[in-house]
Amino acid sequence: MTEVTREWAKMSLITWACKWESICEKLRTIYDRIYELPESDFKQELTELLTDAMFMGKKMEERLQYYKVVYEGDTTGHAGANLKPIPDYEERWTKRQARVNQDAAD
């Protein structure tokens, strides 16, 4: 598994997409809206706060995966069964990848 660092979490926030309506995908969707704002200190601050939230979310995900292994057979919770699929997942992925490639070219 990749080590979760703040930099890694920021790239996940900016470039990835998830097939399921997870908290990480909600954070990415918020970033999509913020990305469209004009450059400003406020935009930068919001991006940093979202990066922190993504970092925390990814660390929580690691811990939950650990608990799933340690407490094998535990039937509490929903194990993600309540997550809804995102129908436009591929469009989101393509848009975010193109955005990163465009930013790198600028």
Protein backbone atom coordinates (compact mmCIF):
# COMPACT_ATOMS: atom_id res chain seq x y z
CA MET A 1 0.00 0.00 0.00
CA THR A 2 1.17 3.52 -0.76
CA GLU A 3 2.23 5.57 2.25
CA VAL A 4 -0.35 8.25 2.90
CA THR A 5 1.35 11.63 3.04
CA ARG A 6 -0.18 15.08 2.78
CA GLU A 7 1.27 15.47 -0.72
CA TRP A 8 -0.21 12.12 -1.78
CA ALA A 9 -3.58 13.13 -0.32
CA LYS A 10 -3.48 16.41 -2.28
CA MET A 11 -2.86 14.55 -5.54
CA SER A 12 -5.73 12.21 -4.68
CA LEU A 13 -7.95 15.25 -4.07
CA ILE A 14 -7.02 16.91 -7.35
CA THR A 15 -6.60 14.05 -9.81
CA TRP A 16 -8.51 10.95 -8.79
CA ALA A 17 -12.13 9.83 -8.93
CA CYS A 18 -13.99 7.12 -7.05
CA LYS A 19 -16.73 4.87 -8.41
CA TRP A 20 -18.65 5.21 -5.14
CA GLU A 21 -20.18 8.18 -3.33
CA SER A 22 -17.59 8.20 -0.55
CA ILE A 23 -16.43 11.02 1.69
CA CYS A 24 -13.26 11.30 -0.39
CA GLU A 25 -15.30 11.71 -3.56
CA LYS A 26 -17.40 14.40 -1.87
CA LEU A 27 -14.20 16.27 -1.02
CA ARG A 28 -13.07 15.95 -4.64
CA THR A 29 -16.42 17.30 -5.83
CA ILE A 30 -16.01 20.32 -3.57
CA TYR A 31 -12.51 20.82 -4.99
CA ASP A 32 -13.96 20.68 -8.53
CA ARG A 33 -16.15 23.68 -7.64
CA ILE A 34 -13.31 25.56 -5.95
CA TYR A 35 -11.01 24.93 -8.91
CA GLU A 36 -13.33 27.04 -11.06
CA LEU A 37 -12.92 30.11 -8.80
CA PRO A 38 -10.49 32.86 -9.77
CA GLU A 39 -7.06 32.59 -8.18
CA SER A 40 -7.02 34.17 -4.73
CA ASP A 41 -5.70 33.68 -1.22
CA PHE A 42 -9.16 32.40 -0.24
CA LYS A 43 -9.09 29.75 -2.98
CA GLN A 44 -5.63 28.66 -1.84
CA GLU A 45 -6.79 28.49 1.79
CA LEU A 46 -9.81 26.36 0.86
CA THR A 47 -7.61 24.03 -1.19
CA GLU A 48 -5.26 23.58 1.77
CA LEU A 49 -8.17 22.86 4.10
CA LEU A 50 -9.56 20.28 1.67
CA THR A 51 -6.10 18.73 1.42
CA ASP A 52 -6.00 18.41 5.21
CA ALA A 53 -9.48 16.84 5.20
CA MET A 54 -8.48 14.38 2.47
CA PHE A 55 -5.32 13.46 4.38
CA MET A 56 -7.38 12.80 7.51
CA GLY A 57 -9.93 10.80 5.52
CA LYS A 58 -7.27 8.61 3.95
CA LYS A 59 -5.69 7.95 7.36
CA MET A 60 -9.13 6.99 8.73
CA GLU A 61 -9.62 4.68 5.75
CA GLU A 62 -6.31 2.96 6.58
CA ARG A 63 -7.43 2.47 10.17
CA LEU A 64 -10.80 1.05 9.13
CA GLN A 65 -9.08 -1.40 6.79
CA TYR A 66 -6.84 -2.44 9.68
CA TYR A 67 -9.86 -2.98 11.94
CA LYS A 68 -11.55 -5.07 9.25
CA VAL A 69 -8.57 -7.45 9.28
CA VAL A 70 -8.13 -7.48 13.06
CA TYR A 71 -11.82 -7.95 13.81
CA GLU A 72 -12.54 -10.40 11.00
CA GLY A 73 -16.10 -11.61 11.20
CA ASP A 74 -17.38 -8.49 12.96
CA THR A 75 -20.76 -7.67 11.45
CA THR A 76 -21.24 -4.18 12.90
CA GLY A 77 -21.48 -1.32 10.46
CA HIS A 78 -22.31 -1.52 6.78
CA ALA A 79 -18.86 -2.23 5.25
CA GLY A 80 -19.64 0.28 2.49
CA ALA A 81 -22.84 -1.46 1.41
CA ASN A 82 -24.73 1.85 1.62
CA LEU A 83 -22.41 3.69 -0.78
CA LYS A 84 -24.12 4.64 -4.04
CA PRO A 85 -22.36 4.20 -7.38
CA ILE A 86 -21.46 7.35 -9.28
CA PRO A 87 -22.80 7.07 -12.83
CA ASP A 88 -20.43 9.67 -14.33
CA TYR A 89 -17.30 8.27 -12.68
CA GLU A 90 -15.35 7.99 -15.96
CA GLU A 91 -16.22 11.57 -16.95
CA ARG A 92 -15.01 12.83 -13.58
CA TRP A 93 -11.77 10.86 -13.90
CA THR A 94 -11.13 12.17 -17.42
CA LYS A 95 -11.92 15.77 -16.44
CA ARG A 96 -9.61 15.70 -13.43
CA GLN A 97 -6.76 14.09 -15.34
CA ALA A 98 -7.11 16.63 -18.17
CA ARG A 99 -7.17 19.48 -15.65
CA VAL A 100 -3.88 18.33 -14.13
CA ASN A 101 -2.29 17.93 -17.54
CA GLN A 102 -3.48 21.45 -18.51
CA ASP A 103 -2.13 22.96 -15.28
CA ALA A 104 1.25 21.30 -15.90
CA ALA A 105 1.34 22.79 -19.41
CA ASP A 106 0.57 26.34 -18.16
